[in-house]
Amino acid sequence: MRSRYSAFVLDRLPYLLDTWHPSTRPAALEPNPPDLKWLGLAIKKALVQDADHATVEFVARSRQAGRAHRLHELSRFVRENGRWYYVDGDLD
């Protein structure tokens, strides 16, 4: 999760796509708007359901055009061939 947040901050779109599970991966991602500033990531909870499934609850904060934003998500991950992939998430 932390590596994906860092990739969002740095606009490392190929990394984000590479760590996204093929079953839910979008065809492309848009780069961050020029005035978007990421302010931080807080991991609230990480749970391992079994050897190949996990969830991470996080809050990511940002500011754009002088307005603060808060992204609260419960993300689902799956491990395949030893690699973890983001599958999807529920926004709160």
PDB file of N, CA and C in Angstrom:
ATOM      1  N   MET A   1       0.826  -1.197   0.000  1.00  0.00           N
ATOM      2  CA  MET A   1       0.000   0.000   0.000  1.00  0.00           C
ATOM      3  C   MET A   1       0.860   1.247   0.000  1.00  0.00           C
ATOM      4  N   ARG A   2       1.892   1.246   0.824  1.00  0.00           N
ATOM      5  CA  ARG A   2       2.743   2.440   0.884  1.00  0.00           C
ATOM      6  C   ARG A   2       3.443   2.699  -0.448  1.00  0.00           C
ATOM      7  N   SER A   3       3.852   1.634  -1.117  1.00  0.00           N
ATOM      8  CA  SER A   3       4.516   1.840  -2.410  1.00  0.00           C
ATOM      9  C   SER A   3       3.542   2.396  -3.439  1.00  0.00           C
ATOM     10  N   ARG A   4       2.291   1.977  -3.378  1.00  0.00           N
ATOM     11  CA  ARG A   4       1.300   2.507  -4.316  1.00  0.00           C
ATOM     12  C   ARG A   4       0.999   3.974  -4.008  1.00  0.00           C
ATOM     13  N   TYR A   5       0.917   4.329  -2.737  1.00  0.00           N
ATOM     14  CA  TYR A   5       0.723   5.738  -2.385  1.00  0.00           C
ATOM     15  C   TYR A   5       1.890   6.575  -2.927  1.00  0.00           C
ATOM     16  N   SER A   6       3.115   6.098  -2.695  1.00  0.00           N
ATOM     17  CA  SER A   6       4.287   6.827  -3.208  1.00  0.00           C
ATOM     18  C   SER A   6       4.216   6.970  -4.717  1.00  0.00           C
ATOM     19  N   ALA A   7       3.762   5.932  -5.395  1.00  0.00           N
ATOM     20  CA  ALA A   7       3.633   6.003  -6.851  1.00  0.00           C
ATOM     21  C   ALA A   7       2.582   7.036  -7.260  1.00  0.00           C
ATOM     22  N   PHE A   8       1.478   7.130  -6.512  1.00  0.00           N
ATOM     23  CA  PHE A   8       0.486   8.171  -6.797  1.00  0.00           C
ATOM     24  C   PHE A   8       1.108   9.555  -6.628  1.00  0.00           C
ATOM     25  N   VAL A   9       1.845   9.750  -5.532  1.00  0.00           N
ATOM     26  CA  VAL A   9       2.465  11.051  -5.259  1.00  0.00           C
ATOM     27  C   VAL A   9       3.434  11.435  -6.372  1.00  0.00           C
ATOM     28  N   LEU A  10       4.219  10.465  -6.829  1.00  0.00           N
ATOM     29  CA  LEU A  10       5.265  10.723  -7.824  1.00  0.00           C
ATOM     30  C   LEU A  10       4.793  10.547  -9.265  1.00  0.00           C
ATOM     31  N   ASP A  11       3.502  10.260  -9.446  1.00  0.00           N
ATOM     32  CA  ASP A  11       2.954  10.030 -10.794  1.00  0.00           C
ATOM     33  C   ASP A  11       3.658   8.887 -11.516  1.00  0.00           C
ATOM     34  N   ARG A  12       3.959   7.836 -10.807  1.00  0.00           N
ATOM     35  CA  ARG A  12       4.578   6.637 -11.408  1.00  0.00           C
ATOM     36  C   ARG A  12       3.465   5.721 -11.917  1.00  0.00           C
ATOM     37  N   LEU A  13       2.817   6.143 -12.968  1.00  0.00           N
ATOM     38  CA  LEU A  13       1.644   5.449 -13.489  1.00  0.00           C
ATOM     39  C   LEU A  13       1.953   4.028 -13.955  1.00  0.00           C
ATOM     40  N   PRO A  14       3.100   3.763 -14.612  1.00  0.00           N
ATOM     41  CA  PRO A  14       3.395   2.377 -14.998  1.00  0.00           C
ATOM     42  C   PRO A  14       3.473   1.442 -13.778  1.00  0.00           C
ATOM     43  N   TYR A  15       4.041   1.912 -12.673  1.00  0.00           N
ATOM     44  CA  TYR A  15       4.114   1.084 -11.462  1.00  0.00           C
ATOM     45  C   TYR A  15       2.715   0.802 -10.924  1.00  0.00           C
ATOM     46  N   LEU A  16       1.873   1.818 -10.895  1.00  0.00           N
ATOM     47  CA  LEU A  16       0.504   1.621 -10.409  1.00  0.00           C
ATOM     48  C   LEU A  16      -0.226   0.581 -11.245  1.00  0.00           C
ATOM     49  N   LEU A  17      -0.106   0.676 -12.550  1.00  0.00           N
ATOM     50  CA  LEU A  17      -0.760  -0.300 -13.421  1.00  0.00           C
ATOM     51  C   LEU A  17      -0.163  -1.695 -13.238  1.00  0.00           C
ATOM     52  N   ASP A  18       1.143  -1.768 -13.048  1.00  0.00           N
ATOM     53  CA  ASP A  18       1.817  -3.054 -12.878  1.00  0.00           C
ATOM     54  C   ASP A  18       1.421  -3.750 -11.574  1.00  0.00           C
ATOM     55  N   THR A  19       1.045  -2.977 -10.554  1.00  0.00           N
ATOM     56  CA  THR A  19       0.667  -3.555  -9.261  1.00  0.00           C
ATOM     57  C   THR A  19      -0.848  -3.678  -9.105  1.00  0.00           C
ATOM     58  N   TRP A  20      -1.584  -3.429 -10.172  1.00  0.00           N
ATOM     59  CA  TRP A  20      -3.042  -3.529 -10.193  1.00  0.00           C
ATOM     60  C   TRP A  20      -3.402  -4.877 -10.804  1.00  0.00           C
ATOM     61  N   HIS A  21      -4.292  -5.616 -10.191  1.00  0.00           N
ATOM     62  CA  HIS A  21      -4.654  -6.938 -10.703  1.00  0.00           C
ATOM     63  C   HIS A  21      -5.271  -6.809 -12.091  1.00  0.00           C
ATOM     64  N   PRO A  22      -4.872  -7.688 -13.028  1.00  0.00           N
ATOM     65  CA  PRO A  22      -5.391  -7.584 -14.404  1.00  0.00           C
ATOM     66  C   PRO A  22      -6.915  -7.635 -14.503  1.00  0.00           C
ATOM     67  N   SER A  23      -7.582  -8.292 -13.567  1.00  0.00           N
ATOM     68  CA  SER A  23      -9.050  -8.410 -13.645  1.00  0.00           C
ATOM     69  C   SER A  23      -9.771  -7.086 -13.396  1.00  0.00           C
ATOM     70  N   THR A  24      -9.105  -6.135 -12.765  1.00  0.00           N
ATOM     71  CA  THR A  24      -9.745  -4.842 -12.469  1.00  0.00           C
ATOM     72  C   THR A  24      -8.923  -3.650 -12.940  1.00  0.00           C
ATOM     73  N   ARG A  25      -7.774  -3.899 -13.542  1.00  0.00           N
ATOM     74  CA  ARG A  25      -6.868  -2.829 -13.963  1.00  0.00           C
ATOM     75  C   ARG A  25      -7.477  -1.989 -15.074  1.00  0.00           C
ATOM     76  N   PRO A  26      -7.450  -0.662 -14.925  1.00  0.00           N
ATOM     77  CA  PRO A  26      -7.921   0.200 -16.021  1.00  0.00           C
ATOM     78  C   PRO A  26      -6.916   0.180 -17.174  1.00  0.00           C
ATOM     79  N   ALA A  27      -7.369   0.573 -18.331  1.00  0.00           N
ATOM     80  CA  ALA A  27      -6.487   0.604 -19.499  1.00  0.00           C
ATOM     81  C   ALA A  27      -5.399   1.667 -19.352  1.00  0.00           C
ATOM     82  N   ALA A  28      -5.730   2.752 -18.675  1.00  0.00           N
ATOM     83  CA  ALA A  28      -4.780   3.856 -18.498  1.00  0.00           C
ATOM     84  C   ALA A  28      -5.172   4.651 -17.258  1.00  0.00           C
ATOM     85  N   LEU A  29      -4.226   5.434 -16.772  1.00  0.00           N
ATOM     86  CA  LEU A  29      -4.462   6.330 -15.640  1.00  0.00           C
ATOM     87  C   LEU A  29      -4.073   7.736 -16.047  1.00  0.00           C
ATOM     88  N   GLU A  30      -4.789   8.695 -15.528  1.00  0.00           N
ATOM     89  CA  GLU A  30      -4.459  10.093 -15.777  1.00  0.00           C
ATOM     90  C   GLU A  30      -3.448  10.566 -14.740  1.00  0.00           C
ATOM     91  N   PRO A  31      -2.486  11.385 -15.143  1.00  0.00           N
ATOM     92  CA  PRO A  31      -1.541  11.928 -14.159  1.00  0.00           C
ATOM     93  C   PRO A  31      -2.251  12.888 -13.206  1.00  0.00           C
ATOM     94  N   ASN A  32      -1.601  13.160 -12.103  1.00  0.00           N
ATOM     95  CA  ASN A  32      -2.139  14.115 -11.140  1.00  0.00           C
ATOM     96  C   ASN A  32      -2.294  15.482 -11.782  1.00  0.00           C
ATOM     97  N   PRO A  33      -3.351  16.202 -11.429  1.00  0.00           N
ATOM     98  CA  PRO A  33      -3.439  17.590 -11.879  1.00  0.00           C
ATOM     99  C   PRO A  33      -2.251  18.378 -11.319  1.00  0.00           C
ATOM    100  N   PRO A  34      -1.787  19.403 -12.027  1.00  0.00           N
ATOM    101  CA  PRO A  34      -0.608  20.152 -11.581  1.00  0.00           C
ATOM    102  C   PRO A  34      -0.747  20.779 -10.200  1.00  0.00           C
ATOM    103  N   ASP A  35      -1.964  21.108  -9.787  1.00  0.00           N
ATOM    104  CA  ASP A  35      -2.138  21.783  -8.497  1.00  0.00           C
ATOM    105  C   ASP A  35      -2.473  20.824  -7.345  1.00  0.00           C
ATOM    106  N   LEU A  36      -2.413  19.512  -7.593  1.00  0.00           N
ATOM    107  CA  LEU A  36      -2.691  18.532  -6.544  1.00  0.00           C
ATOM    108  C   LEU A  36      -1.438  18.286  -5.717  1.00  0.00           C
ATOM    109  N   LYS A  37      -1.583  18.377  -4.411  1.00  0.00           N
ATOM    110  CA  LYS A  37      -0.473  18.095  -3.500  1.00  0.00           C
ATOM    111  C   LYS A  37      -0.923  17.021  -2.523  1.00  0.00           C
ATOM    112  N   TRP A  38      -0.220  15.896  -2.522  1.00  0.00           N
ATOM    113  CA  TRP A  38      -0.498  14.827  -1.577  1.00  0.00           C
ATOM    114  C   TRP A  38       0.142  15.199  -0.246  1.00  0.00           C
ATOM    115  N   LEU A  39      -0.609  15.014   0.839  1.00  0.00           N
ATOM    116  CA  LEU A  39      -0.157  15.464   2.161  1.00  0.00           C
ATOM    117  C   LEU A  39       0.219  14.335   3.107  1.00  0.00           C
ATOM    118  N   GLY A  40      -0.234  13.126   2.847  1.00  0.00           N
ATOM    119  CA  GLY A  40       0.136  12.037   3.742  1.00  0.00           C
ATOM    120  C   GLY A  40      -0.774  10.833   3.640  1.00  0.00           C
ATOM    121  N   LEU A  41      -0.256   9.741   4.176  1.00  0.00           N
ATOM    122  CA  LEU A  41      -0.961   8.463   4.185  1.00  0.00           C
ATOM    123  C   LEU A  41      -0.977   7.934   5.605  1.00  0.00           C
ATOM    124  N   ALA A  42      -2.145   7.483   6.056  1.00  0.00           N
ATOM    125  CA  ALA A  42      -2.266   6.829   7.362  1.00  0.00           C
ATOM    126  C   ALA A  42      -2.892   5.460   7.135  1.00  0.00           C
ATOM    127  N   ILE A  43      -2.157   4.418   7.502  1.00  0.00           N
ATOM    128  CA  ILE A  43      -2.697   3.061   7.448  1.00  0.00           C
ATOM    129  C   ILE A  43      -3.482   2.843   8.737  1.00  0.00           C
ATOM    130  N   LYS A  44      -4.771   2.599   8.613  1.00  0.00           N
ATOM    131  CA  LYS A  44      -5.628   2.407   9.780  1.00  0.00           C
ATOM    132  C   LYS A  44      -5.632   0.958  10.238  1.00  0.00           C
ATOM    133  N   LYS A  45      -5.656   0.039   9.270  1.00  0.00           N
ATOM    134  CA  LYS A  45      -5.723  -1.376   9.612  1.00  0.00           C
ATOM    135  C   LYS A  45      -5.274  -2.208   8.419  1.00  0.00           C
ATOM    136  N   ALA A  46      -4.546  -3.277   8.683  1.00  0.00           N
ATOM    137  CA  ALA A  46      -4.161  -4.235   7.653  1.00  0.00           C
ATOM    138  C   ALA A  46      -4.494  -5.619   8.181  1.00  0.00           C
ATOM    139  N   LEU A  47      -5.283  -6.363   7.419  1.00  0.00           N
ATOM    140  CA  LEU A  47      -5.699  -7.699   7.836  1.00  0.00           C
ATOM    141  C   LEU A  47      -5.377  -8.711   6.749  1.00  0.00           C
ATOM    142  N   VAL A  48      -4.807  -9.825   7.157  1.00  0.00           N
ATOM    143  CA  VAL A  48      -4.527 -10.920   6.236  1.00  0.00           C
ATOM    144  C   VAL A  48      -5.623 -11.959   6.423  1.00  0.00           C
ATOM    145  N   GLN A  49      -6.415 -12.208   5.370  1.00  0.00           N
ATOM    146  CA  GLN A  49      -7.477 -13.200   5.456  1.00  0.00           C
ATOM    147  C   GLN A  49      -6.911 -14.618   5.359  1.00  0.00           C
ATOM    148  N   ASP A  50      -5.965 -14.803   4.454  1.00  0.00           N
ATOM    149  CA  ASP A  50      -5.257 -16.071   4.291  1.00  0.00           C
ATOM    150  C   ASP A  50      -3.947 -15.764   3.581  1.00  0.00           C
ATOM    151  N   ALA A  51      -3.228 -16.763   3.171  1.00  0.00           N
ATOM    152  CA  ALA A  51      -1.899 -16.549   2.589  1.00  0.00           C
ATOM    153  C   ALA A  51      -1.910 -15.680   1.330  1.00  0.00           C
ATOM    154  N   ASP A  52      -3.063 -15.595   0.658  1.00  0.00           N
ATOM    155  CA  ASP A  52      -3.105 -14.884  -0.626  1.00  0.00           C
ATOM    156  C   ASP A  52      -4.143 -13.773  -0.713  1.00  0.00           C
ATOM    157  N   HIS A  53      -4.762 -13.404   0.408  1.00  0.00           N
ATOM    158  CA  HIS A  53      -5.772 -12.343   0.405  1.00  0.00           C
ATOM    159  C   HIS A  53      -5.587 -11.450   1.618  1.00  0.00           C
ATOM    160  N   ALA A  54      -5.664 -10.138   1.384  1.00  0.00           N
ATOM    161  CA  ALA A  54      -5.508  -9.181   2.483  1.00  0.00           C
ATOM    162  C   ALA A  54      -6.296  -7.921   2.181  1.00  0.00           C
ATOM    163  N   THR A  55      -6.573  -7.169   3.242  1.00  0.00           N
ATOM    164  CA  THR A  55      -7.213  -5.863   3.101  1.00  0.00           C
ATOM    165  C   THR A  55      -6.387  -4.828   3.854  1.00  0.00           C
ATOM    166  N   VAL A  56      -6.434  -3.610   3.349  1.00  0.00           N
ATOM    167  CA  VAL A  56      -5.757  -2.489   3.997  1.00  0.00           C
ATOM    168  C   VAL A  56      -6.736  -1.325   4.029  1.00  0.00           C
ATOM    169  N   GLU A  57      -6.971  -0.811   5.232  1.00  0.00           N
ATOM    170  CA  GLU A  57      -7.780   0.391   5.383  1.00  0.00           C
ATOM    171  C   GLU A  57      -6.827   1.565   5.540  1.00  0.00           C
ATOM    172  N   PHE A  58      -7.031   2.597   4.744  1.00  0.00           N
ATOM    173  CA  PHE A  58      -6.130   3.745   4.788  1.00  0.00           C
ATOM    174  C   PHE A  58      -6.881   5.047   4.585  1.00  0.00           C
ATOM    175  N   VAL A  59      -6.212   6.118   4.962  1.00  0.00           N
ATOM    176  CA  VAL A  59      -6.681   7.471   4.678  1.00  0.00           C
ATOM    177  C   VAL A  59      -5.518   8.208   4.012  1.00  0.00           C
ATOM    178  N   ALA A  60      -5.765   8.744   2.824  1.00  0.00           N
ATOM    179  CA  ALA A  60      -4.781   9.567   2.119  1.00  0.00           C
ATOM    180  C   ALA A  60      -5.335  10.985   2.054  1.00  0.00           C
ATOM    181  N   ARG A  61      -4.496  11.937   2.395  1.00  0.00           N
ATOM    182  CA  ARG A  61      -4.922  13.338   2.400  1.00  0.00           C
ATOM    183  C   ARG A  61      -4.233  14.086   1.265  1.00  0.00           C
ATOM    184  N   SER A  62      -4.972  15.021   0.685  1.00  0.00           N
ATOM    185  CA  SER A  62      -4.413  15.840  -0.391  1.00  0.00           C
ATOM    186  C   SER A  62      -5.046  17.224  -0.339  1.00  0.00           C
ATOM    187  N   ARG A  63      -4.468  18.115  -1.120  1.00  0.00           N
ATOM    188  CA  ARG A  63      -5.006  19.465  -1.266  1.00  0.00           C
ATOM    189  C   ARG A  63      -4.957  19.809  -2.751  1.00  0.00           C
ATOM    190  N   GLN A  64      -6.041  20.419  -3.212  1.00  0.00           N
ATOM    191  CA  GLN A  64      -6.094  20.874  -4.604  1.00  0.00           C
ATOM    192  C   GLN A  64      -6.896  22.157  -4.655  1.00  0.00           C
ATOM    193  N   ALA A  65      -6.354  23.128  -5.333  1.00  0.00           N
ATOM    194  CA  ALA A  65      -7.003  24.435  -5.473  1.00  0.00           C
ATOM    195  C   ALA A  65      -7.403  24.997  -4.114  1.00  0.00           C
ATOM    196  N   GLY A  66      -6.529  24.813  -3.121  1.00  0.00           N
ATOM    197  CA  GLY A  66      -6.768  25.358  -1.798  1.00  0.00           C
ATOM    198  C   GLY A  66      -7.764  24.582  -0.952  1.00  0.00           C
ATOM    199  N   ARG A  67      -8.280  23.482  -1.463  1.00  0.00           N
ATOM    200  CA  ARG A  67      -9.260  22.690  -0.730  1.00  0.00           C
ATOM    201  C   ARG A  67      -8.654  21.360  -0.294  1.00  0.00           C
ATOM    202  N   ALA A  68      -8.908  20.986   0.951  1.00  0.00           N
ATOM    203  CA  ALA A  68      -8.413  19.730   1.492  1.00  0.00           C
ATOM    204  C   ALA A  68      -9.334  18.588   1.074  1.00  0.00           C
ATOM    205  N   HIS A  69      -8.732  17.445   0.817  1.00  0.00           N
ATOM    206  CA  HIS A  69      -9.478  16.242   0.451  1.00  0.00           C
ATOM    207  C   HIS A  69      -8.959  15.077   1.275  1.00  0.00           C
ATOM    208  N   ARG A  70      -9.857  14.155   1.539  1.00  0.00           N
ATOM    209  CA  ARG A  70      -9.527  12.977   2.343  1.00  0.00           C
ATOM    210  C   ARG A  70     -10.085  11.757   1.615  1.00  0.00           C
ATOM    211  N   LEU A  71      -9.219  10.797   1.296  1.00  0.00           N
ATOM    212  CA  LEU A  71      -9.626   9.566   0.635  1.00  0.00           C
ATOM    213  C   LEU A  71      -9.512   8.439   1.656  1.00  0.00           C
ATOM    214  N   HIS A  72     -10.649   7.880   2.053  1.00  0.00           N
ATOM    215  CA  HIS A  72     -10.690   6.783   3.031  1.00  0.00           C
ATOM    216  C   HIS A  72     -11.174   5.551   2.284  1.00  0.00           C
ATOM    217  N   GLU A  73     -10.332   4.515   2.240  1.00  0.00           N
ATOM    218  CA  GLU A  73     -10.663   3.334   1.444  1.00  0.00           C
ATOM    219  C   GLU A  73     -10.293   2.070   2.188  1.00  0.00           C
ATOM    220  N   LEU A  74     -11.081   1.024   1.970  1.00  0.00           N
ATOM    221  CA  LEU A  74     -10.739  -0.329   2.383  1.00  0.00           C
ATOM    222  C   LEU A  74     -10.371  -1.062   1.100  1.00  0.00           C
ATOM    223  N   SER A  75      -9.070  -1.301   0.920  1.00  0.00           N
ATOM    224  CA  SER A  75      -8.551  -1.899  -0.314  1.00  0.00           C
ATOM    225  C   SER A  75      -8.398  -3.403  -0.166  1.00  0.00           C
ATOM    226  N   ARG A  76      -8.647  -4.109  -1.258  1.00  0.00           N
ATOM    227  CA  ARG A  76      -8.459  -5.553  -1.293  1.00  0.00           C
ATOM    228  C   ARG A  76      -7.255  -5.889  -2.168  1.00  0.00           C
ATOM    229  N   PHE A  77      -6.446  -6.806  -1.658  1.00  0.00           N
ATOM    230  CA  PHE A  77      -5.244  -7.251  -2.360  1.00  0.00           C
ATOM    231  C   PHE A  77      -5.256  -8.767  -2.486  1.00  0.00           C
ATOM    232  N   VAL A  78      -4.643  -9.263  -3.543  1.00  0.00           N
ATOM    233  CA  VAL A  78      -4.495 -10.697  -3.755  1.00  0.00           C
ATOM    234  C   VAL A  78      -3.036 -10.971  -4.127  1.00  0.00           C
ATOM    235  N   ARG A  79      -2.518 -12.108  -3.664  1.00  0.00           N
ATOM    236  CA  ARG A  79      -1.143 -12.490  -4.016  1.00  0.00           C
ATOM    237  C   ARG A  79      -1.204 -13.605  -5.045  1.00  0.00           C
ATOM    238  N   GLU A  80      -0.467 -13.388  -6.134  1.00  0.00           N
ATOM    239  CA  GLU A  80      -0.352 -14.391  -7.193  1.00  0.00           C
ATOM    240  C   GLU A  80       1.113 -14.521  -7.562  1.00  0.00           C
ATOM    241  N   ASN A  81       1.593 -15.745  -7.597  1.00  0.00           N
ATOM    242  CA  ASN A  81       2.997 -16.014  -7.930  1.00  0.00           C
ATOM    243  C   ASN A  81       3.943 -15.188  -7.068  1.00  0.00           C
ATOM    244  N   GLY A  82       3.593 -15.038  -5.799  1.00  0.00           N
ATOM    245  CA  GLY A  82       4.454 -14.335  -4.861  1.00  0.00           C
ATOM    246  C   GLY A  82       4.358 -12.823  -4.878  1.00  0.00           C
ATOM    247  N   ARG A  83       3.528 -12.250  -5.740  1.00  0.00           N
ATOM    248  CA  ARG A  83       3.382 -10.789  -5.832  1.00  0.00           C
ATOM    249  C   ARG A  83       2.002 -10.361  -5.386  1.00  0.00           C
ATOM    250  N   TRP A  84       1.955  -9.261  -4.626  1.00  0.00           N
ATOM    251  CA  TRP A  84       0.677  -8.695  -4.204  1.00  0.00           C
ATOM    252  C   TRP A  84       0.175  -7.720  -5.264  1.00  0.00           C
ATOM    253  N   TYR A  85      -1.147  -7.794  -5.528  1.00  0.00           N
ATOM    254  CA  TYR A  85      -1.798  -6.911  -6.485  1.00  0.00           C
ATOM    255  C   TYR A  85      -3.005  -6.248  -5.828  1.00  0.00           C
ATOM    256  N   TYR A  86      -3.186  -4.980  -6.115  1.00  0.00           N
ATOM    257  CA  TYR A  86      -4.397  -4.272  -5.714  1.00  0.00           C
ATOM    258  C   TYR A  86      -5.535  -4.783  -6.591  1.00  0.00           C
ATOM    259  N   VAL A  87      -6.666  -5.137  -5.971  1.00  0.00           N
ATOM    260  CA  VAL A  87      -7.821  -5.617  -6.727  1.00  0.00           C
ATOM    261  C   VAL A  87      -8.864  -4.516  -6.856  1.00  0.00           C
ATOM    262  N   ASP A  88      -9.345  -4.029  -5.715  1.00  0.00           N
ATOM    263  CA  ASP A  88     -10.339  -2.958  -5.709  1.00  0.00           C
ATOM    264  C   ASP A  88     -10.489  -2.453  -4.276  1.00  0.00           C
ATOM    265  N   GLY A  89     -11.407  -1.522  -4.090  1.00  0.00           N
ATOM    266  CA  GLY A  89     -11.606  -0.989  -2.766  1.00  0.00           C
ATOM    267  C   GLY A  89     -12.967  -0.335  -2.608  1.00  0.00           C
ATOM    268  N   ASP A  90     -13.355  -0.195  -1.355  1.00  0.00           N
ATOM    269  CA  ASP A  90     -14.601   0.484  -1.012  1.00  0.00           C
ATOM    270  C   ASP A  90     -14.264   1.816  -0.379  1.00  0.00           C
ATOM    271  N   LEU A  91     -14.815   2.881  -0.945  1.00  0.00           N
ATOM    272  CA  LEU A  91     -14.593   4.225  -0.405  1.00  0.00           C
ATOM    273  C   LEU A  91     -15.575   4.496   0.710  1.00  0.00           C
ATOM    274  N   ASP A  92     -15.085   5.224   1.690  1.00  0.00           N
ATOM    275  CA  ASP A  92     -15.933   5.620   2.817  1.00  0.00           C
ATOM    276  C   ASP A  92     -16.134   7.109   2.786  1.00  0.00           C
TER     277      ASP A  92
END
